[in-house]
Protein backbone atom coordinates (compact mmCIF):
# COMPACT_ATOMS: atom_id res chain seq x y z
CA MET A 1 77.50 81.94 94.49
CA ARG A 2 77.34 85.14 92.51
CA THR A 3 79.91 87.97 94.38
CA ILE A 4 77.45 89.29 96.54
CA ASP A 5 76.10 86.05 97.77
CA LYS A 6 80.12 86.19 99.05
CA LEU A 7 80.14 88.81 100.21
CA ASN A 8 76.81 88.61 102.62
CA ALA A 9 78.33 85.06 103.88
CA VAL A 10 81.13 86.96 104.87
CA ILE A 11 78.73 89.80 106.44
CA ASP A 12 77.11 86.27 108.19
CA TYR A 13 80.10 85.38 109.25
CA VAL A 14 81.60 88.59 110.95
CA GLU A 15 78.00 89.31 112.63
CA ASN A 16 78.01 85.90 114.64
CA HIS A 17 81.46 85.84 115.59
CA ILE A 18 82.02 89.03 116.22
CA SER A 19 82.53 89.65 119.92
CA GLU A 20 85.78 86.69 118.70
CA ASP A 21 89.15 87.37 117.35
CA ILE A 22 88.05 87.48 113.74
CA ASP A 23 90.87 85.81 110.98
CA LEU A 24 91.05 88.05 108.11
CA ASN A 25 91.99 84.85 105.80
CA HIS A 26 89.35 83.10 106.72
CA LEU A 27 86.76 85.91 105.47
CA ALA A 28 89.02 86.11 102.62
CA ALA A 29 88.80 82.13 102.18
CA ILE A 30 84.80 82.48 102.58
CA ALA A 31 84.65 85.12 99.81
CA CYS A 32 86.23 82.43 97.95
CA SER A 33 89.75 85.21 96.97
CA SER A 34 92.80 85.78 98.40
CA LEU A 35 93.36 88.02 101.38
CA TYR A 36 94.22 90.75 99.18
CA ASP A 37 92.11 90.46 96.28
CA PHE A 38 89.20 90.18 98.94
CA GLN A 39 90.28 93.51 100.97
CA ARG A 40 89.91 95.56 97.38
CA MET A 41 87.00 94.25 96.57
CA PHE A 42 85.11 94.87 99.98
CA GLY A 43 87.17 98.26 100.00
CA PHE A 44 85.74 99.12 96.74
CA ILE A 45 82.06 97.91 96.53
CA ALA A 46 81.54 98.81 100.62
CA GLU A 47 83.37 102.42 100.87
CA MET A 48 84.96 100.75 103.16
CA SER A 49 87.66 98.55 104.50
CA ILE A 50 86.59 94.69 106.07
CA VAL A 51 88.45 96.17 109.78
CA GLU A 52 86.23 99.68 109.56
CA TYR A 53 83.54 97.60 109.21
CA ILE A 54 83.95 95.19 112.44
CA ARG A 55 85.43 98.17 114.75
CA LYS A 56 82.30 100.25 114.25
CA ARG A 57 80.27 97.44 114.83
CA ARG A 58 81.48 96.08 117.44
CA LEU A 59 81.53 99.53 119.28
CA THR A 60 77.96 100.40 118.14
CA LEU A 61 76.97 96.67 119.97
CA ALA A 62 79.10 97.39 122.59
CA GLY A 63 76.78 101.18 123.46
CA LEU A 64 74.20 99.16 123.28
CA GLU A 65 75.39 97.04 126.38
CA LEU A 66 76.50 100.03 128.50
CA ARG A 67 73.86 101.17 127.65
CA GLN A 68 71.50 98.45 129.17
CA GLY A 69 73.76 98.76 132.36
CA LYS A 70 74.05 94.96 132.78
CA ALA A 71 77.80 94.82 132.15
CA SER A 72 80.72 96.47 133.02
CA VAL A 73 83.45 98.78 130.47
CA LEU A 74 86.17 96.10 131.92
CA THR A 75 83.37 93.53 130.62
CA VAL A 76 82.59 94.89 127.56
CA ALA A 77 85.43 95.75 126.05
CA ILE A 78 87.28 92.48 126.55
CA LYS A 79 84.18 91.01 125.29
CA TYR A 80 84.83 93.45 122.43
CA ASN A 81 88.54 92.33 121.99
CA TYR A 82 89.81 95.27 123.80
CA ASN A 83 93.23 94.64 125.37
CA SER A 84 92.75 97.04 128.48
CA PRO A 85 90.00 99.52 129.06
CA VAL A 86 92.44 102.15 127.83
CA SER A 87 92.56 101.22 124.42
CA PHE A 88 88.28 100.68 124.70
CA ALA A 89 87.97 103.95 126.37
CA ARG A 90 89.71 105.81 123.65
CA ALA A 91 88.21 104.24 120.71
CA PHE A 92 84.79 104.74 122.44
CA GLN A 93 84.65 107.99 122.77
CA ALA A 94 86.16 108.32 119.01
CA PHE A 95 83.61 105.97 117.93
CA HIS A 96 80.69 107.84 120.30
CA GLY A 97 81.55 111.14 121.57
CA ILE A 98 81.41 110.45 125.09
CA VAL A 99 83.44 108.19 127.60
CA PRO A 100 82.03 104.34 128.42
CA SER A 101 81.70 105.58 132.26
CA LYS A 102 78.96 108.25 131.05
CA VAL A 103 76.69 105.90 128.10
CA LYS A 104 74.44 105.16 131.05
CA SER A 105 73.80 108.39 133.20
CA SER A 106 74.21 110.33 130.41
CA GLY A 107 71.83 109.86 128.05
CA VAL A 108 73.19 111.12 125.38
CA PRO A 109 72.65 109.59 122.62
CA LEU A 110 74.98 106.93 120.83
CA GLN A 111 76.10 106.22 116.88
CA MET A 112 74.60 103.90 115.44
CA PHE A 113 76.21 101.87 113.11
CA PRO A 114 73.63 99.00 111.22
CA ARG A 115 74.96 95.52 109.70
CA ILE A 116 75.36 95.56 105.96
CA PHE A 117 73.66 93.96 103.48
CA PHE A 118 74.82 93.49 99.63
CA GLN A 119 72.71 93.92 96.78
CA VAL A 120 72.46 94.60 93.37
CA THR A 121 71.49 97.80 91.99
CA VAL A 122 71.32 98.75 88.01
CA LYS A 123 73.30 101.69 87.13
CA GLU A 124 72.77 104.14 85.33
CA VAL A 125 74.76 104.53 82.54
CA PRO A 126 77.38 107.40 81.72
CA ILE A 127 76.63 109.77 78.12
CA VAL A 128 79.92 109.97 76.36
CA LEU A 129 79.68 113.57 75.03
CA ARG A 130 81.66 112.75 72.03
CA ARG A 131 84.51 110.06 71.06
CA ASP A 132 88.39 110.89 69.96
CA ILE A 133 92.00 109.16 69.88
CA ILE A 134 94.33 109.70 72.26
CA VAL A 135 98.18 109.07 72.26
CA VAL A 136 99.86 107.47 75.28
CA ASN A 137 103.82 106.81 74.94
CA GLY A 138 103.25 106.95 70.70
CA LYS A 139 100.14 104.74 70.98
CA GLU A 140 96.58 105.47 70.10
CA TYR A 141 93.77 104.68 72.44
CA GLU A 142 90.51 104.86 72.02
CA ALA A 143 89.19 107.56 74.10
CA SER A 144 85.33 108.55 75.71
CA TYR A 145 84.88 112.42 76.59
CA PHE A 146 82.50 112.88 79.78
CA GLY A 147 82.58 116.06 80.26
CA GLU A 148 84.37 119.99 82.66
CA VAL A 149 83.67 120.15 86.14
CA ASP A 150 85.04 123.20 87.41
CA ILE A 151 87.13 122.96 90.41
CA SER A 152 88.28 126.81 90.32
CA ALA A 153 86.20 127.24 93.93
CA TRP A 154 88.58 125.02 96.03
CA SER A 155 91.23 124.13 93.79
CA LYS A 156 94.14 127.32 94.23
CA ASP A 157 96.34 125.99 91.27
CA TYR A 158 93.76 125.02 88.51
CA SER A 159 90.18 126.19 87.47
CA LYS A 160 88.82 122.81 85.87
CA ARG A 161 89.69 119.78 84.71
CA GLU A 162 88.12 117.75 81.88
CA PHE A 163 87.15 113.69 82.14
CA TRP A 164 88.74 110.98 79.66
CA ARG A 165 88.43 107.21 79.70
CA LEU A 166 90.65 105.33 77.41
CA GLU A 167 88.48 102.12 76.57
CA ASP A 168 89.83 98.58 77.21
CA VAL A 169 93.17 99.69 78.35
CA TYR A 170 94.10 98.31 81.84
CA GLY A 171 96.54 95.56 81.03
CA ASP A 172 98.52 98.18 79.40
CA PHE A 173 98.87 100.43 82.46
CA LYS A 174 98.59 98.14 85.48
CA ASP A 175 101.78 97.80 85.72
CA LEU A 176 102.90 101.61 85.59
CA PRO A 177 104.71 103.56 88.52
CA GLU A 178 102.44 105.06 90.44
CA THR A 179 102.97 109.10 91.86
CA GLY A 180 101.68 108.19 95.54
CA GLN A 181 98.87 110.87 94.80
CA VAL A 182 94.98 109.12 94.48
CA LEU A 183 91.76 110.65 93.24
CA PRO A 184 88.65 109.18 95.17
CA TYR A 185 86.15 107.86 92.59
CA ASN A 186 83.34 110.58 93.98
CA ASN A 187 85.57 113.21 92.34
CA TYR A 188 84.35 111.53 88.78
CA PRO A 189 81.08 112.59 86.86
CA ILE A 190 80.74 109.28 85.78
CA ASN A 191 80.10 105.79 87.61
CA VAL A 192 84.37 103.89 88.20
CA GLU A 193 84.85 100.41 87.62
CA ILE A 194 87.71 98.58 88.76
CA GLY A 195 90.32 98.12 85.48
CA GLN A 196 89.47 101.38 84.14
CA VAL A 197 92.14 103.78 83.13
CA PHE A 198 91.29 107.73 82.51
CA VAL A 199 93.26 110.60 81.49
CA ILE A 200 91.94 114.05 83.18
CA ASP A 201 93.31 117.55 82.30
CA TYR A 202 94.00 120.66 84.29
CA LEU A 203 93.81 123.64 83.27
CA ARG A 204 95.75 125.79 85.20
CA LYS A 205 95.11 129.06 86.96
CA LYS A 206 98.32 130.78 86.50
CA ASP A 207 99.02 130.60 82.80
CA GLY A 208 96.15 129.16 81.24
CA LEU A 209 98.16 125.38 80.56
CA VAL A 210 96.65 121.71 80.69
CA GLU A 211 98.59 119.67 83.09
CA ARG A 212 97.47 116.56 82.04
CA LYS A 213 97.20 113.50 84.63
CA TYR A 214 96.71 109.92 84.29
CA TYR A 215 94.52 107.45 87.27
CA ILE A 216 93.78 103.93 87.02
CA ALA A 217 90.71 102.46 88.80
CA ASP A 218 92.56 99.47 90.60
CA GLY A 219 90.96 98.96 94.01
CA THR A 220 92.81 101.21 95.96
CA VAL A 221 91.36 102.95 98.72
CA TRP A 222 92.26 105.65 100.42
CA LYS A 223 90.88 106.78 104.27
CA ASP A 224 87.67 104.30 103.48
CA LEU A 225 87.24 106.16 100.21
CA PRO A 226 87.29 104.29 96.88
CA SER A 227 89.08 105.95 94.72
CA THR A 228 91.51 105.67 91.21
CA ARG A 229 95.30 105.76 92.10
CA GLU A 230 97.60 108.34 88.95
CA PHE A 231 100.09 106.50 87.77
CA ARG A 232 103.71 108.04 85.35
CA PRO A 233 102.70 107.00 81.74
CA GLY A 234 106.00 105.26 80.56
CA HIS A 235 106.87 102.12 79.65
CA PRO A 236 107.75 99.11 82.58
CA GLY A 237 111.04 98.94 82.75
CA PRO A 238 114.34 100.30 83.81
CA THR A 239 113.83 103.62 84.79
CA PRO A 240 116.41 106.45 84.72
CA PRO A 241 117.89 108.32 87.64
CA LEU A 242 117.46 112.01 88.16
CA ARG A 243 121.60 112.07 89.08
CA MET A 244 123.79 109.67 90.49
CA ASP A 245 125.62 110.24 93.93
CA LYS A 246 127.60 108.01 96.82
CA ILE A 247 126.28 106.91 99.31
CA THR A 248 128.51 105.42 102.65
CA VAL A 249 126.82 102.85 104.36
CA ASN A 250 128.81 100.35 107.52
CA GLY A 251 132.42 102.78 105.91
CA LYS A 252 131.37 101.35 102.27
CA GLU A 253 131.06 103.98 99.42
CA TYR A 254 128.67 102.75 97.01
CA ASP A 255 127.59 104.23 93.55
CA ALA A 256 123.62 105.57 94.07
CA SER A 257 121.07 106.46 91.81
CA TYR A 258 118.05 108.88 92.86
CA PHE A 259 114.52 108.41 91.54
CA GLY A 260 113.19 111.53 92.79
CA SER A 261 110.76 112.79 95.91
CA ARG A 262 107.08 111.46 96.58
CA ASP A 263 104.77 113.71 98.88
CA MET A 264 102.99 111.76 102.00
CA SER A 265 101.88 114.60 103.79
CA SER A 266 98.15 114.02 102.70
CA TRP A 267 97.97 109.67 103.74
CA SER A 268 101.06 109.46 106.49
CA GLU A 269 100.98 110.70 110.06
CA LEU A 270 104.52 110.89 110.59
CA TYR A 271 105.89 111.70 107.53
CA VAL A 272 106.00 114.71 105.10
CA ASP A 273 107.96 113.04 102.03
CA ARG A 274 110.69 110.27 101.29
CA ASP A 275 113.60 110.10 98.73
CA PHE A 276 114.14 106.76 96.56
CA TRP A 277 117.68 105.45 96.27
CA ARG A 278 118.90 102.02 94.94
CA LEU A 279 122.25 101.38 95.23
CA GLU A 280 124.28 99.87 92.87
CA ASN A 281 125.55 96.27 92.99
CA ALA A 282 124.99 96.12 96.96
CA TYR A 283 122.98 93.18 96.99
CA ASP A 284 125.81 90.57 98.12
CA ASP A 285 126.43 92.85 100.64
CA PHE A 286 122.56 93.77 102.55
CA LYS A 287 121.04 90.46 101.43
CA ASP A 288 121.87 88.70 104.16
CA ASN A 289 121.00 91.20 107.30
CA PRO A 290 118.32 90.60 109.30
CA GLY A 291 114.64 92.01 108.41
CA VAL A 292 113.09 94.85 110.90
CA GLY A 293 110.27 93.27 112.31
CA GLY A 294 108.39 91.92 109.32
CA SER A 295 108.66 95.41 107.63
CA VAL A 296 107.95 95.82 103.67
CA LEU A 297 106.84 97.97 100.83
CA PRO A 298 105.58 97.05 97.93
CA TYR A 299 106.71 97.72 94.67
CA ASN A 300 103.85 100.18 93.74
CA ASN A 301 105.12 102.90 95.96
CA TYR A 302 108.66 103.19 94.01
CA PRO A 303 108.84 105.35 91.39
CA MET A 304 110.29 103.10 89.12
CA HIS A 305 110.86 99.48 88.20
CA ILE A 306 111.79 97.43 90.35
CA GLU A 307 113.61 94.07 89.95
CA ILE A 308 114.98 90.69 91.97
CA GLY A 309 118.80 91.61 93.48
CA GLN A 310 118.72 95.41 94.18
CA VAL A 311 118.45 97.27 97.73
CA PHE A 312 117.51 100.68 97.85
CA VAL A 313 117.28 103.43 100.61
CA ILE A 314 114.64 105.72 100.78
CA ASP A 315 114.77 108.69 103.69
CA TYR A 316 111.98 109.50 105.53
CA GLN A 317 111.55 113.40 106.64
CA VAL A 318 110.00 113.30 109.78
CA LYS A 319 106.89 115.13 110.40
CA ILE A 320 107.43 116.11 113.59
CA ASP A 321 110.69 117.83 113.57
CA GLY A 322 111.44 117.48 109.83
CA SER A 323 114.63 115.78 110.55
CA ILE A 324 115.46 111.84 108.42
CA GLU A 325 114.93 108.60 109.26
CA ARG A 326 116.83 105.97 106.62
CA LYS A 327 116.12 102.46 106.01
CA PHE A 328 117.21 100.14 103.38
CA TYR A 329 114.92 97.38 102.11
CA ILE A 330 115.99 94.81 99.24
CA SER A 331 114.09 93.00 97.04
CA ASP A 332 114.63 89.38 97.32
CA GLY A 333 111.45 88.06 96.01
CA THR A 334 109.06 88.56 99.19
CA VAL A 335 105.68 88.90 98.18
CA TRP A 336 103.28 90.69 101.07
CA GLN A 337 99.10 89.79 100.57
CA ASP A 338 99.71 88.82 96.72
CA MET A 339 101.70 91.95 96.04
CA PRO A 340 105.89 92.06 95.15
CA SER A 341 107.37 93.74 98.26
CA THR A 342 110.66 94.86 98.71
CA ARG A 343 111.77 93.52 102.96
CA GLU A 344 113.64 96.53 105.11
CA VAL A 345 116.24 95.00 106.54
CA LEU A 346 119.59 96.19 108.91
CA HIS A 347 122.76 97.55 107.29
CA LYS A 348 124.69 97.31 109.98
């Protein structure tokens, strides 16, 4: 069965069980995939997450039922898996722009999100304007150039960006640390596919210098948009710290390596950024500490290489008041949704 047919089978199942508790693992099984790969594949092709699709379909059908006036708000809320009329009303108003109790009497048009169908379409082959060689980490790569895009009207820092694609290099870059920044596919002048690597040269307004950035298409989805992920073009392996310091935990002083800060403000509702520290030779002191509600942080969130047996301190700056929220993570072999991950633990 083709991938497209498998995804249509997933949609068939969702539509036939839309008022039931839908298990994402079962949907992944229908797609003959792991949960992690299924979610990335669905997001890439549908340009939204499977959870978002289910939510929109439920709210669409709930609106139609309320417009007919044959069921109460409470009955419809329970039918479409909302725990309370309050949470249902909040989600319903955000989607339709009207509270559910006013649907029948108001006559206000409702949002309609139809069932989706997947099909194969023929894509236009992008025209390569020229080919050249780009050297990364001392290695030469064939590169295809696809032109420049003017961004001066909306970017305060850059006037334009030029797009290059490195050919057949995904394996060399897929495990490199990310910067925390993404670039949605719709910013590119060409079609983007998973497994591609891009070099984008940004021309700075202030001094005319070129700032080179690297992106990889690995199935990342940001705000329901398929996106490339910016990464640092360094070899995987031990990453040198920016500085060394001491961190005291429970009265004991540890050597701590600092690896920098990562901005979170564009996608986190709670935090501005986070600073990454590694406590040296501290694993035995933390490995038996209880976890924090199953909280994990995948390796690809870190700016450095991760190995089992390490302990990390991450300082989160809270948006609302600028305070610092310190969290502790250990690398003990935890895997979350097929991704190697650190596990948050209590420090007492």
